[in-house]
Amino acid sequence: MRNVFSILILFFAFSINCIGQEIAIEKEIDTNVLNDYELTDKQYSAWKSIKYSWLASDYELIKSENKIKLNCKDCSAFYVEVVIKINESGKMEYYKLINGKRCGLGFTKELELRVMRKFFKFEYPFELRNTTFKTRLGDVLKC
């Protein structure tokens, strides 16, 4: 019985560690981080390609899943502002949520993680490796 209990504890500890790696979130934020548009031309071009691809696919799917339709009457904003750190192997090491709006309301943790999920799976190009920057993912209408 003792061995079974020990195995279960090890299993849960390993599972929690794996989950933590997938959704790592930085606790503190460096206020001197560049905005995405302040990156070098090559870095910004690489990031814009990734961001616009995400906007056209995953972002539209997330809006659909959450029944969000942007308009000036009911819902003028659906976005997150985050700091993203990409490590030397081209993986997002962590992100830090700065702000987020869903039709004038804040974000739930579940929705935040859904928005960021694809960015953890992506392999970033050489130009973005070892880079930390702020960006806005989503839309804000000018009403």
N, C-alpha and C. Protein backbone atom coordinates (compact mmCIF):
# COMPACT_ATOMS: atom_id res chain seq x y z
N MET A 1 0.82 -1.19 0.00
CA MET A 1 0.00 0.00 0.00
C MET A 1 0.87 1.26 0.00
N ARG A 2 1.93 1.21 0.77
CA ARG A 2 2.84 2.35 0.86
C ARG A 2 3.49 2.63 -0.49
N ASN A 3 3.86 1.58 -1.23
CA ASN A 3 4.47 1.75 -2.54
C ASN A 3 3.49 2.35 -3.54
N VAL A 4 2.25 1.94 -3.48
CA VAL A 4 1.22 2.48 -4.37
C VAL A 4 1.03 3.96 -4.09
N PHE A 5 0.98 4.32 -2.82
CA PHE A 5 0.83 5.72 -2.45
C PHE A 5 2.02 6.55 -2.93
N SER A 6 3.24 6.02 -2.80
CA SER A 6 4.45 6.72 -3.26
C SER A 6 4.42 6.91 -4.77
N ILE A 7 3.99 5.90 -5.48
CA ILE A 7 3.91 5.99 -6.94
C ILE A 7 2.89 7.05 -7.35
N LEU A 8 1.74 7.08 -6.68
CA LEU A 8 0.72 8.09 -6.97
C LEU A 8 1.25 9.51 -6.73
N ILE A 9 1.97 9.71 -5.65
CA ILE A 9 2.53 11.03 -5.35
C ILE A 9 3.53 11.43 -6.44
N LEU A 10 4.39 10.52 -6.84
CA LEU A 10 5.34 10.82 -7.91
C LEU A 10 4.63 11.12 -9.22
N PHE A 11 3.58 10.38 -9.52
CA PHE A 11 2.82 10.61 -10.75
C PHE A 11 2.21 12.01 -10.76
N PHE A 12 1.56 12.40 -9.65
CA PHE A 12 0.94 13.73 -9.58
C PHE A 12 1.98 14.83 -9.60
N ALA A 13 3.11 14.63 -8.94
CA ALA A 13 4.17 15.65 -8.96
C ALA A 13 4.69 15.83 -10.37
N PHE A 14 4.88 14.74 -11.10
CA PHE A 14 5.35 14.82 -12.49
C PHE A 14 4.30 15.50 -13.36
N SER A 15 3.04 15.15 -13.18
CA SER A 15 1.96 15.75 -13.97
C SER A 15 1.86 17.25 -13.74
N ILE A 16 1.95 17.67 -12.50
CA ILE A 16 1.87 19.09 -12.19
C ILE A 16 3.07 19.82 -12.79
N ASN A 17 4.24 19.21 -12.73
CA ASN A 17 5.43 19.83 -13.30
C ASN A 17 5.27 20.01 -14.81
N CYS A 18 4.73 19.03 -15.49
CA CYS A 18 4.53 19.13 -16.94
C CYS A 18 3.51 20.21 -17.27
N ILE A 19 2.44 20.28 -16.52
CA ILE A 19 1.43 21.31 -16.76
C ILE A 19 2.03 22.69 -16.52
N GLY A 20 2.81 22.82 -15.46
CA GLY A 20 3.43 24.10 -15.16
C GLY A 20 4.34 24.57 -16.28
N GLN A 21 5.03 23.65 -16.94
CA GLN A 21 5.90 24.02 -18.04
C GLN A 21 5.09 24.51 -19.22
N GLU A 22 3.94 23.96 -19.46
CA GLU A 22 3.14 24.35 -20.61
C GLU A 22 2.54 25.73 -20.44
N ILE A 23 2.22 26.11 -19.22
CA ILE A 23 1.56 27.40 -19.02
C ILE A 23 2.36 28.29 -18.08
N ALA A 24 3.67 28.28 -18.23
CA ALA A 24 4.53 29.09 -17.37
C ALA A 24 4.16 30.57 -17.50
N ILE A 25 4.06 31.22 -16.38
CA ILE A 25 3.70 32.63 -16.36
C ILE A 25 4.72 33.35 -15.48
N GLU A 26 5.34 34.36 -16.00
CA GLU A 26 6.32 35.14 -15.24
C GLU A 26 5.59 35.98 -14.20
N LYS A 27 6.12 36.01 -13.00
CA LYS A 27 5.46 36.72 -11.90
C LYS A 27 5.77 38.21 -11.88
N GLU A 28 6.99 38.60 -12.24
CA GLU A 28 7.36 40.00 -12.22
C GLU A 28 7.60 40.48 -13.64
N ILE A 29 7.43 41.77 -13.84
CA ILE A 29 7.57 42.32 -15.18
C ILE A 29 8.63 43.40 -15.18
N ASP A 30 9.47 43.39 -16.18
CA ASP A 30 10.47 44.43 -16.37
C ASP A 30 9.82 45.55 -17.16
N THR A 31 9.78 46.72 -16.58
CA THR A 31 9.10 47.84 -17.24
C THR A 31 9.91 48.40 -18.40
N ASN A 32 11.14 47.97 -18.58
CA ASN A 32 11.98 48.46 -19.67
C ASN A 32 11.92 47.58 -20.91
N VAL A 33 10.96 46.69 -20.98
CA VAL A 33 10.82 45.79 -22.13
C VAL A 33 10.33 46.59 -23.33
N LEU A 34 10.89 46.31 -24.50
CA LEU A 34 10.47 46.98 -25.72
C LEU A 34 9.08 46.55 -26.15
N ASN A 35 8.36 47.46 -26.77
CA ASN A 35 7.11 47.10 -27.45
C ASN A 35 7.48 46.36 -28.73
N ASP A 36 6.55 45.57 -29.25
CA ASP A 36 6.85 44.81 -30.47
C ASP A 36 7.28 45.72 -31.61
N TYR A 37 6.68 46.88 -31.76
CA TYR A 37 7.01 47.79 -32.85
C TYR A 37 8.38 48.47 -32.66
N GLU A 38 9.00 48.29 -31.49
CA GLU A 38 10.33 48.84 -31.24
C GLU A 38 11.45 47.82 -31.50
N LEU A 39 11.07 46.61 -31.87
CA LEU A 39 12.06 45.59 -32.21
C LEU A 39 12.78 46.00 -33.49
N THR A 40 13.87 45.30 -33.81
CA THR A 40 14.54 45.58 -35.08
C THR A 40 13.58 45.27 -36.23
N ASP A 41 13.87 45.78 -37.41
CA ASP A 41 13.00 45.54 -38.57
C ASP A 41 12.80 44.05 -38.82
N LYS A 42 13.87 43.26 -38.75
CA LYS A 42 13.76 41.81 -38.99
C LYS A 42 12.94 41.13 -37.91
N GLN A 43 13.15 41.52 -36.67
CA GLN A 43 12.39 40.93 -35.57
C GLN A 43 10.90 41.28 -35.68
N TYR A 44 10.63 42.55 -35.96
CA TYR A 44 9.24 43.00 -36.05
C TYR A 44 8.54 42.33 -37.22
N SER A 45 9.22 42.19 -38.32
CA SER A 45 8.64 41.52 -39.49
C SER A 45 8.30 40.06 -39.16
N ALA A 46 9.22 39.37 -38.48
CA ALA A 46 8.98 37.97 -38.09
C ALA A 46 7.80 37.89 -37.13
N TRP A 47 7.74 38.81 -36.16
CA TRP A 47 6.64 38.79 -35.19
C TRP A 47 5.31 39.11 -35.86
N LYS A 48 5.28 40.11 -36.75
CA LYS A 48 4.03 40.46 -37.44
C LYS A 48 3.49 39.27 -38.22
N SER A 49 4.35 38.51 -38.85
CA SER A 49 3.92 37.33 -39.60
C SER A 49 3.24 36.32 -38.68
N ILE A 50 3.83 36.08 -37.54
CA ILE A 50 3.26 35.15 -36.55
C ILE A 50 1.94 35.69 -36.01
N LYS A 51 1.94 36.96 -35.63
CA LYS A 51 0.76 37.58 -35.03
C LYS A 51 -0.41 37.60 -36.01
N TYR A 52 -0.18 38.00 -37.25
CA TYR A 52 -1.27 38.08 -38.21
C TYR A 52 -1.80 36.71 -38.58
N SER A 53 -0.94 35.72 -38.61
CA SER A 53 -1.38 34.35 -38.83
C SER A 53 -2.29 33.89 -37.68
N TRP A 54 -1.89 34.21 -36.45
CA TRP A 54 -2.70 33.86 -35.28
C TRP A 54 -4.04 34.60 -35.31
N LEU A 55 -4.02 35.89 -35.66
CA LEU A 55 -5.26 36.67 -35.72
C LEU A 55 -6.25 36.07 -36.72
N ALA A 56 -5.74 35.61 -37.85
CA ALA A 56 -6.60 35.07 -38.91
C ALA A 56 -7.13 33.68 -38.59
N SER A 57 -6.45 32.95 -37.74
CA SER A 57 -6.89 31.58 -37.47
C SER A 57 -7.38 31.41 -36.03
N ASP A 58 -6.47 31.32 -35.10
CA ASP A 58 -6.81 31.00 -33.71
C ASP A 58 -7.68 32.07 -33.06
N TYR A 59 -7.37 33.33 -33.27
CA TYR A 59 -8.14 34.42 -32.67
C TYR A 59 -9.59 34.36 -33.13
N GLU A 60 -9.80 34.15 -34.42
CA GLU A 60 -11.17 34.05 -34.94
C GLU A 60 -11.91 32.86 -34.32
N LEU A 61 -11.20 31.76 -34.14
CA LEU A 61 -11.79 30.57 -33.52
C LEU A 61 -12.15 30.84 -32.05
N ILE A 62 -11.28 31.53 -31.34
CA ILE A 62 -11.54 31.86 -29.94
C ILE A 62 -12.75 32.79 -29.83
N LYS A 63 -12.84 33.77 -30.71
CA LYS A 63 -14.01 34.66 -30.71
C LYS A 63 -15.28 33.85 -30.95
N SER A 64 -15.24 32.93 -31.88
CA SER A 64 -16.39 32.11 -32.19
C SER A 64 -16.77 31.22 -31.00
N GLU A 65 -15.79 30.58 -30.39
CA GLU A 65 -16.02 29.72 -29.23
C GLU A 65 -16.69 30.48 -28.07
N ASN A 66 -16.36 31.76 -27.95
CA ASN A 66 -16.86 32.58 -26.85
C ASN A 66 -18.00 33.51 -27.26
N LYS A 67 -18.51 33.29 -28.48
CA LYS A 67 -19.63 34.08 -29.01
C LYS A 67 -19.37 35.58 -28.92
N ILE A 68 -18.17 35.99 -29.36
CA ILE A 68 -17.77 37.39 -29.33
C ILE A 68 -17.85 37.95 -30.73
N LYS A 69 -18.59 39.03 -30.86
CA LYS A 69 -18.68 39.76 -32.13
C LYS A 69 -18.34 41.21 -31.83
N LEU A 70 -17.21 41.65 -32.36
CA LEU A 70 -16.79 43.02 -32.10
C LEU A 70 -17.68 44.00 -32.84
N ASN A 71 -18.15 45.01 -32.10
CA ASN A 71 -18.93 46.10 -32.68
C ASN A 71 -18.88 47.27 -31.71
N CYS A 72 -19.28 48.42 -32.16
CA CYS A 72 -19.19 49.63 -31.32
C CYS A 72 -20.31 49.73 -30.30
N LYS A 73 -21.33 48.94 -30.43
CA LYS A 73 -22.47 49.02 -29.51
C LYS A 73 -22.25 48.16 -28.25
N ASP A 74 -21.92 46.89 -28.45
CA ASP A 74 -21.86 45.95 -27.34
C ASP A 74 -20.45 45.53 -26.92
N CYS A 75 -19.57 45.44 -27.89
CA CYS A 75 -18.25 44.85 -27.62
C CYS A 75 -17.20 45.49 -28.51
N SER A 76 -16.48 46.45 -27.96
CA SER A 76 -15.51 47.18 -28.77
C SER A 76 -14.07 46.69 -28.59
N ALA A 77 -13.84 45.71 -27.69
CA ALA A 77 -12.47 45.25 -27.47
C ALA A 77 -12.44 43.80 -27.01
N PHE A 78 -11.53 43.05 -27.61
CA PHE A 78 -11.22 41.70 -27.17
C PHE A 78 -9.74 41.48 -27.43
N TYR A 79 -8.94 41.60 -26.36
CA TYR A 79 -7.49 41.53 -26.53
C TYR A 79 -6.80 41.20 -25.21
N VAL A 80 -5.54 40.81 -25.32
CA VAL A 80 -4.64 40.73 -24.17
C VAL A 80 -3.38 41.50 -24.53
N GLU A 81 -2.82 42.16 -23.55
CA GLU A 81 -1.50 42.77 -23.67
C GLU A 81 -0.58 41.93 -22.80
N VAL A 82 0.50 41.45 -23.40
CA VAL A 82 1.40 40.55 -22.70
C VAL A 82 2.86 40.89 -22.97
N VAL A 83 3.70 40.47 -22.05
CA VAL A 83 5.13 40.44 -22.28
C VAL A 83 5.46 38.99 -22.58
N ILE A 84 6.16 38.78 -23.68
CA ILE A 84 6.54 37.43 -24.11
C ILE A 84 8.05 37.31 -24.09
N LYS A 85 8.54 36.20 -23.54
CA LYS A 85 9.98 35.90 -23.58
C LYS A 85 10.18 34.64 -24.40
N ILE A 86 10.99 34.76 -25.44
CA ILE A 86 11.31 33.63 -26.30
C ILE A 86 12.76 33.23 -25.99
N ASN A 87 12.96 31.95 -25.73
CA ASN A 87 14.30 31.49 -25.33
C ASN A 87 15.18 31.18 -26.55
N GLU A 88 16.38 30.71 -26.28
CA GLU A 88 17.37 30.47 -27.33
C GLU A 88 17.01 29.31 -28.26
N SER A 89 16.12 28.42 -27.82
CA SER A 89 15.73 27.31 -28.68
C SER A 89 14.47 27.61 -29.49
N GLY A 90 13.95 28.85 -29.38
CA GLY A 90 12.80 29.24 -30.18
C GLY A 90 11.46 28.91 -29.58
N LYS A 91 11.41 28.69 -28.28
CA LYS A 91 10.15 28.41 -27.58
C LYS A 91 9.81 29.57 -26.66
N MET A 92 8.51 29.80 -26.50
CA MET A 92 8.11 30.83 -25.55
C MET A 92 8.40 30.30 -24.16
N GLU A 93 9.28 30.98 -23.45
CA GLU A 93 9.67 30.57 -22.11
C GLU A 93 8.62 30.95 -21.09
N TYR A 94 8.09 32.16 -21.22
CA TYR A 94 7.02 32.60 -20.34
C TYR A 94 6.30 33.78 -20.97
N TYR A 95 5.17 34.10 -20.38
CA TYR A 95 4.49 35.34 -20.71
C TYR A 95 3.97 35.95 -19.42
N LYS A 96 3.71 37.24 -19.46
CA LYS A 96 3.13 37.94 -18.32
C LYS A 96 1.97 38.78 -18.84
N LEU A 97 0.79 38.54 -18.32
CA LEU A 97 -0.38 39.32 -18.69
C LEU A 97 -0.27 40.71 -18.08
N ILE A 98 -0.37 41.72 -18.92
CA ILE A 98 -0.35 43.11 -18.46
C ILE A 98 -1.78 43.62 -18.35
N ASN A 99 -2.57 43.33 -19.36
CA ASN A 99 -3.94 43.82 -19.41
C ASN A 99 -4.73 42.92 -20.36
N GLY A 100 -6.02 42.92 -20.22
CA GLY A 100 -6.87 42.18 -21.12
C GLY A 100 -8.31 42.63 -20.99
N LYS A 101 -9.00 42.67 -22.10
CA LYS A 101 -10.42 43.06 -22.09
C LYS A 101 -11.21 42.11 -22.97
N ARG A 102 -12.37 41.79 -22.49
CA ARG A 102 -13.34 41.01 -23.24
C ARG A 102 -14.65 41.78 -23.16
N CYS A 103 -14.90 42.58 -24.17
CA CYS A 103 -16.13 43.37 -24.22
C CYS A 103 -16.29 44.23 -22.96
N GLY A 104 -15.21 44.90 -22.56
CA GLY A 104 -15.25 45.78 -21.41
C GLY A 104 -15.02 45.10 -20.08
N LEU A 105 -14.99 43.78 -20.07
CA LEU A 105 -14.77 43.02 -18.84
C LEU A 105 -13.35 42.48 -18.83
N GLY A 106 -12.89 42.04 -17.68
CA GLY A 106 -11.58 41.41 -17.58
C GLY A 106 -11.60 39.99 -18.14
N PHE A 107 -10.43 39.39 -18.18
CA PHE A 107 -10.27 38.03 -18.68
C PHE A 107 -10.32 37.03 -17.54
N THR A 108 -10.90 35.87 -17.79
CA THR A 108 -10.78 34.75 -16.85
C THR A 108 -9.44 34.08 -17.12
N LYS A 109 -8.93 33.35 -16.17
CA LYS A 109 -7.68 32.62 -16.35
C LYS A 109 -7.81 31.60 -17.48
N GLU A 110 -8.96 30.96 -17.56
CA GLU A 110 -9.21 29.97 -18.60
C GLU A 110 -9.12 30.60 -19.99
N LEU A 111 -9.74 31.75 -20.18
CA LEU A 111 -9.70 32.42 -21.47
C LEU A 111 -8.29 32.93 -21.77
N GLU A 112 -7.61 33.43 -20.77
CA GLU A 112 -6.23 33.89 -20.93
C GLU A 112 -5.36 32.75 -21.46
N LEU A 113 -5.46 31.59 -20.83
CA LEU A 113 -4.66 30.43 -21.24
C LEU A 113 -5.05 29.96 -22.64
N ARG A 114 -6.33 30.05 -22.96
CA ARG A 114 -6.78 29.66 -24.31
C ARG A 114 -6.17 30.58 -25.36
N VAL A 115 -6.12 31.87 -25.08
CA VAL A 115 -5.52 32.82 -26.03
C VAL A 115 -4.04 32.53 -26.20
N MET A 116 -3.35 32.20 -25.14
CA MET A 116 -1.89 32.03 -25.20
C MET A 116 -1.45 30.63 -25.61
N ARG A 117 -2.35 29.68 -25.64
CA ARG A 117 -1.99 28.27 -25.88
C ARG A 117 -1.13 28.06 -27.13
N LYS A 118 -1.53 28.60 -28.24
CA LYS A 118 -0.81 28.36 -29.48
C LYS A 118 0.61 28.92 -29.45
N PHE A 119 0.82 29.99 -28.70
CA PHE A 119 2.14 30.61 -28.64
C PHE A 119 3.15 29.73 -27.92
N PHE A 120 2.68 28.86 -27.01
CA PHE A 120 3.57 27.91 -26.36
C PHE A 120 3.98 26.79 -27.31
N LYS A 121 3.16 26.46 -28.26
CA LYS A 121 3.43 25.35 -29.17
C LYS A 121 4.29 25.75 -30.36
N PHE A 122 4.38 27.02 -30.61
CA PHE A 122 5.03 27.52 -31.80
C PHE A 122 6.56 27.52 -31.65
N GLU A 123 7.27 27.24 -32.74
CA GLU A 123 8.72 27.40 -32.75
C GLU A 123 9.03 28.71 -33.46
N TYR A 124 9.59 29.64 -32.72
CA TYR A 124 9.84 30.98 -33.23
C TYR A 124 11.10 31.02 -34.08
N PRO A 125 11.13 31.89 -35.10
CA PRO A 125 12.29 31.97 -35.98
C PRO A 125 13.51 32.55 -35.26
N PHE A 126 14.65 32.36 -35.87
CA PHE A 126 15.93 32.79 -35.32
C PHE A 126 15.92 34.26 -34.89
N GLU A 127 15.28 35.12 -35.66
CA GLU A 127 15.27 36.56 -35.37
C GLU A 127 14.65 36.90 -34.02
N LEU A 128 13.76 36.04 -33.53
CA LEU A 128 13.05 36.33 -32.27
C LEU A 128 13.62 35.59 -31.06
N ARG A 129 14.63 34.78 -31.29
CA ARG A 129 15.18 34.00 -30.18
C ARG A 129 15.95 34.91 -29.21
N ASN A 130 15.86 34.56 -27.93
CA ASN A 130 16.46 35.36 -26.85
C ASN A 130 15.91 36.79 -26.83
N THR A 131 14.62 36.91 -27.06
CA THR A 131 13.98 38.22 -27.13
C THR A 131 12.82 38.28 -26.14
N THR A 132 12.66 39.43 -25.52
CA THR A 132 11.53 39.70 -24.65
C THR A 132 10.90 41.00 -25.12
N PHE A 133 9.56 40.99 -25.31
CA PHE A 133 8.88 42.18 -25.81
C PHE A 133 7.42 42.19 -25.38
N LYS A 134 6.83 43.39 -25.43
CA LYS A 134 5.40 43.56 -25.14
C LYS A 134 4.63 43.56 -26.45
N THR A 135 3.43 43.01 -26.40
CA THR A 135 2.58 43.02 -27.59
C THR A 135 1.12 42.98 -27.19
N ARG A 136 0.26 43.37 -28.12
CA ARG A 136 -1.19 43.26 -27.92
C ARG A 136 -1.68 42.20 -28.91
N LEU A 137 -2.43 41.25 -28.37
CA LEU A 137 -3.02 40.18 -29.19
C LEU A 137 -4.52 40.36 -29.18
N GLY A 138 -5.08 40.73 -30.31
CA GLY A 138 -6.50 40.93 -30.41
C GLY A 138 -6.81 42.28 -31.01
N ASP A 139 -8.06 42.71 -30.85
CA ASP A 139 -8.52 43.95 -31.48
C ASP A 139 -9.19 44.88 -30.50
N VAL A 140 -9.05 46.17 -30.79
CA VAL A 140 -9.79 47.23 -30.11
C VAL A 140 -10.35 48.11 -31.22
N LEU A 141 -11.65 48.25 -31.26
CA LEU A 141 -12.27 49.09 -32.29
C LEU A 141 -12.17 50.56 -31.91
N LYS A 142 -12.03 51.41 -32.91
CA LYS A 142 -12.06 52.86 -32.70
C LYS A 142 -13.49 53.31 -33.00
N CYS A 143 -14.26 53.48 -31.96
CA CYS A 143 -15.68 53.82 -32.13
C CYS A 143 -15.93 55.31 -31.91
